[in-house]
mmCIF file of all heavy atoms, coordinates in Angstrom:
data_MODEL
# 
_entry.id   MODEL 
# 
loop_
_atom_site.group_PDB 
_atom_site.id 
_atom_site.type_symbol 
_atom_site.label_atom_id 
_atom_site.label_alt_id 
_atom_site.label_comp_id 
_atom_site.label_asym_id 
_atom_site.label_entity_id 
_atom_site.label_seq_id 
_atom_site.pdbx_PDB_ins_code 
_atom_site.Cartn_x 
_atom_site.Cartn_y 
_atom_site.Cartn_z 
_atom_site.occupancy 
_atom_site.B_iso_or_equiv 
_atom_site.pdbx_formal_charge 
_atom_site.auth_seq_id 
_atom_site.auth_comp_id 
_atom_site.auth_asym_id 
_atom_site.auth_atom_id 
_atom_site.pdbx_PDB_model_num 
ATOM 1   N N   . ILE A 1 1  ? 3.143   14.056  -9.974  1.00 0.00 ? 1  ILE A N   1 
ATOM 2   C CA  . ILE A 1 1  ? 4.513   14.466  -10.278 1.00 0.00 ? 1  ILE A CA  1 
ATOM 3   C C   . ILE A 1 1  ? 4.533   15.812  -10.991 1.00 0.00 ? 1  ILE A C   1 
ATOM 4   O O   . ILE A 1 1  ? 5.338   16.693  -10.665 1.00 0.00 ? 1  ILE A O   1 
ATOM 5   C CB  . ILE A 1 1  ? 5.233   13.381  -11.103 1.00 0.00 ? 1  ILE A CB  1 
ATOM 6   C CG1 . ILE A 1 1  ? 5.399   12.101  -10.265 1.00 0.00 ? 1  ILE A CG1 1 
ATOM 7   C CG2 . ILE A 1 1  ? 6.584   13.876  -11.596 1.00 0.00 ? 1  ILE A CG2 1 
ATOM 8   C CD1 . ILE A 1 1  ? 5.890   10.899  -11.052 1.00 0.00 ? 1  ILE A CD1 1 
ATOM 9   N N   . ASP A 1 2  ? 3.654   15.992  -11.954 1.00 0.00 ? 2  ASP A N   1 
ATOM 10  C CA  . ASP A 1 2  ? 3.581   17.262  -12.683 1.00 0.00 ? 2  ASP A CA  1 
ATOM 11  C C   . ASP A 1 2  ? 3.210   18.420  -11.755 1.00 0.00 ? 2  ASP A C   1 
ATOM 12  O O   . ASP A 1 2  ? 3.720   19.530  -11.893 1.00 0.00 ? 2  ASP A O   1 
ATOM 13  C CB  . ASP A 1 2  ? 2.562   17.171  -13.819 1.00 0.00 ? 2  ASP A CB  1 
ATOM 14  C CG  . ASP A 1 2  ? 3.022   16.269  -14.965 1.00 0.00 ? 2  ASP A CG  1 
ATOM 15  O OD1 . ASP A 1 2  ? 4.242   15.993  -15.044 1.00 0.00 ? 2  ASP A OD1 1 
ATOM 16  O OD2 . ASP A 1 2  ? 2.173   15.850  -15.769 1.00 0.00 ? 2  ASP A OD2 1 
ATOM 17  N N   . PHE A 1 3  ? 2.337   18.152  -10.802 1.00 0.00 ? 3  PHE A N   1 
ATOM 18  C CA  . PHE A 1 3  ? 1.905   19.186  -9.869  1.00 0.00 ? 3  PHE A CA  1 
ATOM 19  C C   . PHE A 1 3  ? 3.057   19.689  -9.010  1.00 0.00 ? 3  PHE A C   1 
ATOM 20  O O   . PHE A 1 3  ? 3.058   20.841  -8.570  1.00 0.00 ? 3  PHE A O   1 
ATOM 21  C CB  . PHE A 1 3  ? 0.771   18.661  -8.973  1.00 0.00 ? 3  PHE A CB  1 
ATOM 22  C CG  . PHE A 1 3  ? 0.155   19.710  -8.093  1.00 0.00 ? 3  PHE A CG  1 
ATOM 23  C CD1 . PHE A 1 3  ? -0.859  20.524  -8.565  1.00 0.00 ? 3  PHE A CD1 1 
ATOM 24  C CD2 . PHE A 1 3  ? 0.594   19.890  -6.786  1.00 0.00 ? 3  PHE A CD2 1 
ATOM 25  C CE1 . PHE A 1 3  ? -1.420  21.498  -7.755  1.00 0.00 ? 3  PHE A CE1 1 
ATOM 26  C CE2 . PHE A 1 3  ? 0.037   20.861  -5.964  1.00 0.00 ? 3  PHE A CE2 1 
ATOM 27  C CZ  . PHE A 1 3  ? -0.974  21.666  -6.454  1.00 0.00 ? 3  PHE A CZ  1 
ATOM 28  N N   . SER A 1 4  ? 4.052   18.852  -8.793  1.00 0.00 ? 4  SER A N   1 
ATOM 29  C CA  . SER A 1 4  ? 5.177   19.223  -7.931  1.00 0.00 ? 4  SER A CA  1 
ATOM 30  C C   . SER A 1 4  ? 6.117   20.245  -8.557  1.00 0.00 ? 4  SER A C   1 
ATOM 31  O O   . SER A 1 4  ? 6.979   20.817  -7.871  1.00 0.00 ? 4  SER A O   1 
ATOM 32  C CB  . SER A 1 4  ? 5.976   17.975  -7.552  1.00 0.00 ? 4  SER A CB  1 
ATOM 33  O OG  . SER A 1 4  ? 6.766   17.510  -8.642  1.00 0.00 ? 4  SER A OG  1 
ATOM 34  N N   . ASP A 1 5  ? 5.986   20.479  -9.865  1.00 0.00 ? 5  ASP A N   1 
ATOM 35  C CA  . ASP A 1 5  ? 6.835   21.461  -10.566 1.00 0.00 ? 5  ASP A CA  1 
ATOM 36  C C   . ASP A 1 5  ? 8.321   21.216  -10.347 1.00 0.00 ? 5  ASP A C   1 
ATOM 37  O O   . ASP A 1 5  ? 9.092   22.146  -10.063 1.00 0.00 ? 5  ASP A O   1 
ATOM 38  C CB  . ASP A 1 5  ? 6.478   22.892  -10.141 1.00 0.00 ? 5  ASP A CB  1 
ATOM 39  C CG  . ASP A 1 5  ? 5.127   23.345  -10.663 1.00 0.00 ? 5  ASP A CG  1 
ATOM 40  O OD1 . ASP A 1 5  ? 4.655   22.794  -11.684 1.00 0.00 ? 5  ASP A OD1 1 
ATOM 41  O OD2 . ASP A 1 5  ? 4.521   24.245  -10.042 1.00 0.00 ? 5  ASP A OD2 1 
ATOM 42  N N   . GLY A 1 6  ? 8.726   19.960  -10.439 1.00 0.00 ? 6  GLY A N   1 
ATOM 43  C CA  . GLY A 1 6  ? 10.140  19.634  -10.335 1.00 0.00 ? 6  GLY A CA  1 
ATOM 44  C C   . GLY A 1 6  ? 10.639  19.378  -8.933  1.00 0.00 ? 6  GLY A C   1 
ATOM 45  O O   . GLY A 1 6  ? 11.826  19.079  -8.737  1.00 0.00 ? 6  GLY A O   1 
ATOM 46  N N   . ALA A 1 7  ? 9.760   19.482  -7.930  1.00 0.00 ? 7  ALA A N   1 
ATOM 47  C CA  . ALA A 1 7  ? 10.178  19.272  -6.539  1.00 0.00 ? 7  ALA A CA  1 
ATOM 48  C C   . ALA A 1 7  ? 9.860   17.865  -6.053  1.00 0.00 ? 7  ALA A C   1 
ATOM 49  O O   . ALA A 1 7  ? 9.862   17.605  -4.844  1.00 0.00 ? 7  ALA A O   1 
ATOM 50  C CB  . ALA A 1 7  ? 9.511   20.306  -5.630  1.00 0.00 ? 7  ALA A CB  1 
ATOM 51  N N   . TRP A 1 8  ? 9.553   16.951  -6.972  1.00 0.00 ? 8  TRP A N   1 
ATOM 52  C CA  . TRP A 1 8  ? 9.194   15.599  -6.584  1.00 0.00 ? 8  TRP A CA  1 
ATOM 53  C C   . TRP A 1 8  ? 10.380  14.905  -5.897  1.00 0.00 ? 8  TRP A C   1 
ATOM 54  O O   . TRP A 1 8  ? 11.509  14.971  -6.358  1.00 0.00 ? 8  TRP A O   1 
ATOM 55  C CB  . TRP A 1 8  ? 8.776   14.774  -7.789  1.00 0.00 ? 8  TRP A CB  1 
ATOM 56  C CG  . TRP A 1 8  ? 8.177   13.463  -7.356  1.00 0.00 ? 8  TRP A CG  1 
ATOM 57  C CD1 . TRP A 1 8  ? 8.795   12.260  -7.258  1.00 0.00 ? 8  TRP A CD1 1 
ATOM 58  C CD2 . TRP A 1 8  ? 6.848   13.256  -6.894  1.00 0.00 ? 8  TRP A CD2 1 
ATOM 59  N NE1 . TRP A 1 8  ? 7.936   11.309  -6.773  1.00 0.00 ? 8  TRP A NE1 1 
ATOM 60  C CE2 . TRP A 1 8  ? 6.723   11.899  -6.543  1.00 0.00 ? 8  TRP A CE2 1 
ATOM 61  C CE3 . TRP A 1 8  ? 5.745   14.092  -6.744  1.00 0.00 ? 8  TRP A CE3 1 
ATOM 62  C CZ2 . TRP A 1 8  ? 5.548   11.357  -6.047  1.00 0.00 ? 8  TRP A CZ2 1 
ATOM 63  C CZ3 . TRP A 1 8  ? 4.574   13.552  -6.251  1.00 0.00 ? 8  TRP A CZ3 1 
ATOM 64  C CH2 . TRP A 1 8  ? 4.480   12.201  -5.920  1.00 0.00 ? 8  TRP A CH2 1 
ATOM 65  N N   . GLY A 1 9  ? 10.091  14.228  -4.790  1.00 0.00 ? 9  GLY A N   1 
ATOM 66  C CA  . GLY A 1 9  ? 11.130  13.566  -4.033  1.00 0.00 ? 9  GLY A CA  1 
ATOM 67  C C   . GLY A 1 9  ? 11.818  14.467  -3.038  1.00 0.00 ? 9  GLY A C   1 
ATOM 68  O O   . GLY A 1 9  ? 12.550  14.007  -2.163  1.00 0.00 ? 9  GLY A O   1 
ATOM 69  N N   . ASP A 1 10 ? 11.575  15.762  -3.144  1.00 0.00 ? 10 ASP A N   1 
ATOM 70  C CA  . ASP A 1 10 ? 12.142  16.735  -2.223  1.00 0.00 ? 10 ASP A CA  1 
ATOM 71  C C   . ASP A 1 10 ? 11.072  17.153  -1.223  1.00 0.00 ? 10 ASP A C   1 
ATOM 72  O O   . ASP A 1 10 ? 11.122  16.783  -0.041  1.00 0.00 ? 10 ASP A O   1 
ATOM 73  C CB  . ASP A 1 10 ? 12.676  17.936  -2.990  1.00 0.00 ? 10 ASP A CB  1 
ATOM 74  C CG  . ASP A 1 10 ? 13.319  18.980  -2.078  1.00 0.00 ? 10 ASP A CG  1 
ATOM 75  O OD1 . ASP A 1 10 ? 13.606  18.665  -0.902  1.00 0.00 ? 10 ASP A OD1 1 
ATOM 76  O OD2 . ASP A 1 10 ? 13.529  20.104  -2.556  1.00 0.00 ? 10 ASP A OD2 1 
ATOM 77  N N   . THR A 1 11 ? 10.080  17.894  -1.709  1.00 0.00 ? 11 THR A N   1 
ATOM 78  C CA  . THR A 1 11 ? 8.982   18.318  -0.852  1.00 0.00 ? 11 THR A CA  1 
ATOM 79  C C   . THR A 1 11 ? 7.645   17.705  -1.247  1.00 0.00 ? 11 THR A C   1 
ATOM 80  O O   . THR A 1 11 ? 6.640   17.913  -0.584  1.00 0.00 ? 11 THR A O   1 
ATOM 81  C CB  . THR A 1 11 ? 8.858   19.857  -0.843  1.00 0.00 ? 11 THR A CB  1 
ATOM 82  O OG1 . THR A 1 11 ? 8.809   20.336  -2.191  1.00 0.00 ? 11 THR A OG1 1 
ATOM 83  C CG2 . THR A 1 11 ? 10.046  20.485  -0.131  1.00 0.00 ? 11 THR A CG2 1 
ATOM 84  N N   . PHE A 1 12 ? 7.625   16.960  -2.327  1.00 0.00 ? 12 PHE A N   1 
ATOM 85  C CA  . PHE A 1 12 ? 6.433   16.247  -2.769  1.00 0.00 ? 12 PHE A CA  1 
ATOM 86  C C   . PHE A 1 12 ? 6.725   14.748  -2.813  1.00 0.00 ? 12 PHE A C   1 
ATOM 87  O O   . PHE A 1 12 ? 7.773   14.329  -3.307  1.00 0.00 ? 12 PHE A O   1 
ATOM 88  C CB  . PHE A 1 12 ? 5.978   16.714  -4.154  1.00 0.00 ? 12 PHE A CB  1 
ATOM 89  C CG  . PHE A 1 12 ? 5.362   18.078  -4.167  1.00 0.00 ? 12 PHE A CG  1 
ATOM 90  C CD1 . PHE A 1 12 ? 6.155   19.216  -4.210  1.00 0.00 ? 12 PHE A CD1 1 
ATOM 91  C CD2 . PHE A 1 12 ? 3.979   18.234  -4.142  1.00 0.00 ? 12 PHE A CD2 1 
ATOM 92  C CE1 . PHE A 1 12 ? 5.595   20.481  -4.224  1.00 0.00 ? 12 PHE A CE1 1 
ATOM 93  C CE2 . PHE A 1 12 ? 3.418   19.493  -4.162  1.00 0.00 ? 12 PHE A CE2 1 
ATOM 94  C CZ  . PHE A 1 12 ? 4.225   20.614  -4.200  1.00 0.00 ? 12 PHE A CZ  1 
ATOM 95  N N   . HIS A 1 13 ? 5.782   13.965  -2.293  1.00 0.00 ? 13 HIS A N   1 
ATOM 96  C CA  . HIS A 1 13 ? 5.989   12.519  -2.221  1.00 0.00 ? 13 HIS A CA  1 
ATOM 97  C C   . HIS A 1 13 ? 4.664   11.802  -2.468  1.00 0.00 ? 13 HIS A C   1 
ATOM 98  O O   . HIS A 1 13 ? 3.595   12.404  -2.488  1.00 0.00 ? 13 HIS A O   1 
ATOM 99  C CB  . HIS A 1 13 ? 6.514   12.110  -0.832  1.00 0.00 ? 13 HIS A CB  1 
ATOM 100 C CG  . HIS A 1 13 ? 7.666   12.925  -0.356  1.00 0.00 ? 13 HIS A CG  1 
ATOM 101 N ND1 . HIS A 1 13 ? 8.970   12.623  -0.663  1.00 0.00 ? 13 HIS A ND1 1 
ATOM 102 C CD2 . HIS A 1 13 ? 7.711   14.049  0.409   1.00 0.00 ? 13 HIS A CD2 1 
ATOM 103 C CE1 . HIS A 1 13 ? 9.765   13.519  -0.109  1.00 0.00 ? 13 HIS A CE1 1 
ATOM 104 N NE2 . HIS A 1 13 ? 9.033   14.390  0.552   1.00 0.00 ? 13 HIS A NE2 1 
ATOM 105 N N   . VAL A 1 14 ? 4.752   10.488  -2.621  1.00 0.00 ? 14 VAL A N   1 
ATOM 106 C CA  . VAL A 1 14 ? 3.579   9.635   -2.632  1.00 0.00 ? 14 VAL A CA  1 
ATOM 107 C C   . VAL A 1 14 ? 3.792   8.560   -1.579  1.00 0.00 ? 14 VAL A C   1 
ATOM 108 O O   . VAL A 1 14 ? 4.902   8.040   -1.430  1.00 0.00 ? 14 VAL A O   1 
ATOM 109 C CB  . VAL A 1 14 ? 3.306   9.016   -4.022  1.00 0.00 ? 14 VAL A CB  1 
ATOM 110 C CG1 . VAL A 1 14 ? 4.403   8.050   -4.411  1.00 0.00 ? 14 VAL A CG1 1 
ATOM 111 C CG2 . VAL A 1 14 ? 1.947   8.316   -4.064  1.00 0.00 ? 14 VAL A CG2 1 
ATOM 112 N N   . SER A 1 15 ? 2.758   8.301   -0.793  1.00 0.00 ? 15 SER A N   1 
ATOM 113 C CA  . SER A 1 15 ? 2.888   7.247   0.198   1.00 0.00 ? 15 SER A CA  1 
ATOM 114 C C   . SER A 1 15 ? 2.910   5.903   -0.502  1.00 0.00 ? 15 SER A C   1 
ATOM 115 O O   . SER A 1 15 ? 2.531   5.786   -1.668  1.00 0.00 ? 15 SER A O   1 
ATOM 116 C CB  . SER A 1 15 ? 1.706   7.287   1.180   1.00 0.00 ? 15 SER A CB  1 
ATOM 117 O OG  . SER A 1 15 ? 0.515   6.832   0.540   1.00 0.00 ? 15 SER A OG  1 
ATOM 118 N N   . TRP A 1 16 ? 3.399   4.864   0.197   1.00 0.00 ? 16 TRP A N   1 
ATOM 119 C CA  . TRP A 1 16 ? 3.305   3.534   -0.377  1.00 0.00 ? 16 TRP A CA  1 
ATOM 120 C C   . TRP A 1 16 ? 1.834   3.260   -0.685  1.00 0.00 ? 16 TRP A C   1 
ATOM 121 O O   . TRP A 1 16 ? 0.967   3.392   0.152   1.00 0.00 ? 16 TRP A O   1 
ATOM 122 C CB  . TRP A 1 16 ? 3.927   2.478   0.531   1.00 0.00 ? 16 TRP A CB  1 
ATOM 123 C CG  . TRP A 1 16 ? 3.501   2.507   1.961   1.00 0.00 ? 16 TRP A CG  1 
ATOM 124 C CD1 . TRP A 1 16 ? 3.897   3.390   2.919   1.00 0.00 ? 16 TRP A CD1 1 
ATOM 125 C CD2 . TRP A 1 16 ? 2.630   1.589   2.625   1.00 0.00 ? 16 TRP A CD2 1 
ATOM 126 N NE1 . TRP A 1 16 ? 3.301   3.103   4.121   1.00 0.00 ? 16 TRP A NE1 1 
ATOM 127 C CE2 . TRP A 1 16 ? 2.529   1.991   3.978   1.00 0.00 ? 16 TRP A CE2 1 
ATOM 128 C CE3 . TRP A 1 16 ? 1.925   0.478   2.218   1.00 0.00 ? 16 TRP A CE3 1 
ATOM 129 C CZ2 . TRP A 1 16 ? 1.749   1.337   4.921   1.00 0.00 ? 16 TRP A CZ2 1 
ATOM 130 C CZ3 . TRP A 1 16 ? 1.141   -0.196  3.153   1.00 0.00 ? 16 TRP A CZ3 1 
ATOM 131 C CH2 . TRP A 1 16 ? 1.064   0.234   4.482   1.00 0.00 ? 16 TRP A CH2 1 
ATOM 132 N N   . MET A 1 17 ? 1.612   2.947   -1.939  1.00 0.00 ? 17 MET A N   1 
ATOM 133 C CA  . MET A 1 17 ? 0.241   2.875   -2.447  1.00 0.00 ? 17 MET A CA  1 
ATOM 134 C C   . MET A 1 17 ? -0.440  1.592   -2.004  1.00 0.00 ? 17 MET A C   1 
ATOM 135 O O   . MET A 1 17 ? -0.192  0.511   -2.536  1.00 0.00 ? 17 MET A O   1 
ATOM 136 C CB  . MET A 1 17 ? 0.266   3.000   -3.963  1.00 0.00 ? 17 MET A CB  1 
ATOM 137 C CG  . MET A 1 17 ? 0.776   4.366   -4.432  1.00 0.00 ? 17 MET A CG  1 
ATOM 138 S SD  . MET A 1 17 ? 1.039   4.430   -6.197  1.00 0.00 ? 17 MET A SD  1 
ATOM 139 C CE  . MET A 1 17 ? 2.544   3.460   -6.336  1.00 0.00 ? 17 MET A CE  1 
ATOM 140 N N   . SER A 1 18 ? -1.319  1.722   -1.038  1.00 0.00 ? 18 SER A N   1 
ATOM 141 C CA  . SER A 1 18 ? -1.956  0.549   -0.466  1.00 0.00 ? 18 SER A CA  1 
ATOM 142 C C   . SER A 1 18 ? -3.175  0.130   -1.279  1.00 0.00 ? 18 SER A C   1 
ATOM 143 O O   . SER A 1 18 ? -3.982  0.960   -1.696  1.00 0.00 ? 18 SER A O   1 
ATOM 144 C CB  . SER A 1 18 ? -2.366  0.816   0.981   1.00 0.00 ? 18 SER A CB  1 
ATOM 145 O OG  . SER A 1 18 ? -3.215  1.932   1.077   1.00 0.00 ? 18 SER A OG  1 
ATOM 146 N N   . GLN A 1 19 ? -3.270  -1.150  -1.506  1.00 0.00 ? 19 GLN A N   1 
ATOM 147 C CA  . GLN A 1 19 ? -4.435  -1.713  -2.179  1.00 0.00 ? 19 GLN A CA  1 
ATOM 148 C C   . GLN A 1 19 ? -5.567  -1.821  -1.167  1.00 0.00 ? 19 GLN A C   1 
ATOM 149 O O   . GLN A 1 19 ? -5.382  -2.311  -0.058  1.00 0.00 ? 19 GLN A O   1 
ATOM 150 C CB  . GLN A 1 19 ? -4.092  -3.089  -2.749  1.00 0.00 ? 19 GLN A CB  1 
ATOM 151 C CG  . GLN A 1 19 ? -5.196  -3.723  -3.578  1.00 0.00 ? 19 GLN A CG  1 
ATOM 152 C CD  . GLN A 1 19 ? -4.765  -5.083  -4.126  1.00 0.00 ? 19 GLN A CD  1 
ATOM 153 O OE1 . GLN A 1 19 ? -3.577  -5.422  -4.117  1.00 0.00 ? 19 GLN A OE1 1 
ATOM 154 N NE2 . GLN A 1 19 ? -5.701  -5.894  -4.598  1.00 0.00 ? 19 GLN A NE2 1 
ATOM 155 N N   . VAL A 1 20 ? -6.757  -1.358  -1.528  1.00 0.00 ? 20 VAL A N   1 
ATOM 156 C CA  . VAL A 1 20 ? -7.914  -1.436  -0.643  1.00 0.00 ? 20 VAL A CA  1 
ATOM 157 C C   . VAL A 1 20 ? -8.366  -2.890  -0.525  1.00 0.00 ? 20 VAL A C   1 
ATOM 158 O O   . VAL A 1 20 ? -8.694  -3.529  -1.528  1.00 0.00 ? 20 VAL A O   1 
ATOM 159 C CB  . VAL A 1 20 ? -9.076  -0.566  -1.168  1.00 0.00 ? 20 VAL A CB  1 
ATOM 160 C CG1 . VAL A 1 20 ? -10.325 -0.787  -0.320  1.00 0.00 ? 20 VAL A CG1 1 
ATOM 161 C CG2 . VAL A 1 20 ? -8.680  0.917   -1.140  1.00 0.00 ? 20 VAL A CG2 1 
ATOM 162 N N   . TRP A 1 21 ? -8.392  -3.408  0.704   1.00 0.00 ? 21 TRP A N   1 
ATOM 163 C CA  . TRP A 1 21 ? -8.805  -4.794  0.937   1.00 0.00 ? 21 TRP A CA  1 
ATOM 164 C C   . TRP A 1 21 ? -10.273 -4.875  1.346   1.00 0.00 ? 21 TRP A C   1 
ATOM 165 O O   . TRP A 1 21 ? -10.973 -5.822  0.973   1.00 0.00 ? 21 TRP A O   1 
ATOM 166 C CB  . TRP A 1 21 ? -7.920  -5.443  2.006   1.00 0.00 ? 21 TRP A CB  1 
ATOM 167 C CG  . TRP A 1 21 ? -6.478  -5.484  1.631   1.00 0.00 ? 21 TRP A CG  1 
ATOM 168 C CD1 . TRP A 1 21 ? -5.481  -4.700  2.118   1.00 0.00 ? 21 TRP A CD1 1 
ATOM 169 C CD2 . TRP A 1 21 ? -5.862  -6.324  0.650   1.00 0.00 ? 21 TRP A CD2 1 
ATOM 170 N NE1 . TRP A 1 21 ? -4.281  -4.994  1.515   1.00 0.00 ? 21 TRP A NE1 1 
ATOM 171 C CE2 . TRP A 1 21 ? -4.483  -5.993  0.605   1.00 0.00 ? 21 TRP A CE2 1 
ATOM 172 C CE3 . TRP A 1 21 ? -6.324  -7.331  -0.196  1.00 0.00 ? 21 TRP A CE3 1 
ATOM 173 C CZ2 . TRP A 1 21 ? -3.572  -6.626  -0.233  1.00 0.00 ? 21 TRP A CZ2 1 
ATOM 174 C CZ3 . TRP A 1 21 ? -5.429  -7.962  -1.040  1.00 0.00 ? 21 TRP A CZ3 1 
ATOM 175 C CH2 . TRP A 1 21 ? -4.062  -7.609  -1.050  1.00 0.00 ? 21 TRP A CH2 1 
ATOM 176 N N   . TYR A 1 22 ? -10.718 -3.914  2.144   1.00 0.00 ? 22 TYR A N   1 
ATOM 177 C CA  . TYR A 1 22 ? -12.108 -3.883  2.601   1.00 0.00 ? 22 TYR A CA  1 
ATOM 178 C C   . TYR A 1 22 ? -12.674 -2.483  2.451   1.00 0.00 ? 22 TYR A C   1 
ATOM 179 O O   . TYR A 1 22 ? -11.956 -1.504  2.665   1.00 0.00 ? 22 TYR A O   1 
ATOM 180 C CB  . TYR A 1 22 ? -12.203 -4.336  4.066   1.00 0.00 ? 22 TYR A CB  1 
ATOM 181 C CG  . TYR A 1 22 ? -11.827 -5.779  4.272   1.00 0.00 ? 22 TYR A CG  1 
ATOM 182 C CD1 . TYR A 1 22 ? -10.566 -6.120  4.714   1.00 0.00 ? 22 TYR A CD1 1 
ATOM 183 C CD2 . TYR A 1 22 ? -12.748 -6.787  4.018   1.00 0.00 ? 22 TYR A CD2 1 
ATOM 184 C CE1 . TYR A 1 22 ? -10.211 -7.441  4.894   1.00 0.00 ? 22 TYR A CE1 1 
ATOM 185 C CE2 . TYR A 1 22 ? -12.402 -8.120  4.203   1.00 0.00 ? 22 TYR A CE2 1 
ATOM 186 C CZ  . TYR A 1 22 ? -11.134 -8.443  4.646   1.00 0.00 ? 22 TYR A CZ  1 
ATOM 187 O OH  . TYR A 1 22 ? -10.779 -9.763  4.821   1.00 0.00 ? 22 TYR A OH  1 
ATOM 188 N N   . PRO A 1 23 ? -13.974 -2.393  2.079   1.00 0.00 ? 23 PRO A N   1 
ATOM 189 C CA  . PRO A 1 23 ? -14.860 -3.505  1.739   1.00 0.00 ? 23 PRO A CA  1 
ATOM 190 C C   . PRO A 1 23 ? -14.378 -4.250  0.486   1.00 0.00 ? 23 PRO A C   1 
ATOM 191 O O   . PRO A 1 23 ? -13.780 -3.648  -0.415  1.00 0.00 ? 23 PRO A O   1 
ATOM 192 C CB  . PRO A 1 23 ? -16.208 -2.829  1.494   1.00 0.00 ? 23 PRO A CB  1 
ATOM 193 C CG  . PRO A 1 23 ? -15.899 -1.413  1.217   1.00 0.00 ? 23 PRO A CG  1 
ATOM 194 C CD  . PRO A 1 23 ? -14.635 -1.088  1.928   1.00 0.00 ? 23 PRO A CD  1 
ATOM 195 N N   . ARG A 1 24 ? -14.664 -5.534  0.436   1.00 0.00 ? 24 ARG A N   1 
ATOM 196 C CA  . ARG A 1 24 ? -14.073 -6.405  -0.579  1.00 0.00 ? 24 ARG A CA  1 
ATOM 197 C C   . ARG A 1 24 ? -14.505 -6.036  -1.997  1.00 0.00 ? 24 ARG A C   1 
ATOM 198 O O   . ARG A 1 24 ? -13.761 -6.308  -2.945  1.00 0.00 ? 24 ARG A O   1 
ATOM 199 C CB  . ARG A 1 24 ? -14.399 -7.865  -0.277  1.00 0.00 ? 24 ARG A CB  1 
ATOM 200 C CG  . ARG A 1 24 ? -13.769 -8.363  1.022   1.00 0.00 ? 24 ARG A CG  1 
ATOM 201 C CD  . ARG A 1 24 ? -14.087 -9.813  1.275   1.00 0.00 ? 24 ARG A CD  1 
ATOM 202 N NE  . ARG A 1 24 ? -13.322 -10.691 0.394   1.00 0.00 ? 24 ARG A NE  1 
ATOM 203 C CZ  . ARG A 1 24 ? -13.570 -11.974 0.219   1.00 0.00 ? 24 ARG A CZ  1 
ATOM 204 N NH1 . ARG A 1 24 ? -14.608 -12.522 0.810   1.00 0.00 ? 24 ARG A NH1 1 
ATOM 205 N NH2 . ARG A 1 24 ? -12.835 -12.711 -0.591  1.00 0.00 ? 24 ARG A NH2 1 
ATOM 206 N N   . ILE A 1 25 ? -15.688 -5.444  -2.173  1.00 0.00 ? 25 ILE A N   1 
ATOM 207 C CA  . ILE A 1 25 ? -16.113 -5.066  -3.521  1.00 0.00 ? 25 ILE A CA  1 
ATOM 208 C C   . ILE A 1 25 ? -15.263 -3.942  -4.093  1.00 0.00 ? 25 ILE A C   1 
ATOM 209 O O   . ILE A 1 25 ? -15.293 -3.694  -5.300  1.00 0.00 ? 25 ILE A O   1 
ATOM 210 C CB  . ILE A 1 25 ? -17.600 -4.663  -3.574  1.00 0.00 ? 25 ILE A CB  1 
ATOM 211 C CG1 . ILE A 1 25 ? -17.878 -3.456  -2.657  1.00 0.00 ? 25 ILE A CG1 1 
ATOM 212 C CG2 . ILE A 1 25 ? -18.497 -5.839  -3.261  1.00 0.00 ? 25 ILE A CG2 1 
ATOM 213 C CD1 . ILE A 1 25 ? -19.260 -2.848  -2.852  1.00 0.00 ? 25 ILE A CD1 1 
ATOM 214 N N   . CYS A 1 26 ? -14.505 -3.249  -3.241  1.00 0.00 ? 26 CYS A N   1 
ATOM 215 C CA  . CYS A 1 26 ? -13.618 -2.193  -3.730  1.00 0.00 ? 26 CYS A CA  1 
ATOM 216 C C   . CYS A 1 26 ? -12.271 -2.728  -4.194  1.00 0.00 ? 26 CYS A C   1 
ATOM 217 O O   . CYS A 1 26 ? -11.548 -2.044  -4.911  1.00 0.00 ? 26 CYS A O   1 
ATOM 218 C CB  . CYS A 1 26 ? -13.400 -1.137  -2.641  1.00 0.00 ? 26 CYS A CB  1 
ATOM 219 S SG  . CYS A 1 26 ? -14.834 -0.110  -2.321  1.00 0.00 ? 26 CYS A SG  1 
# 
């Protein structure tokens, strides 16, 4: 968010944060 310099939600986004399922130790 800080890196976006106020443009968050406009030209900067985050994808839906997926939990790593495999490999299972991760």
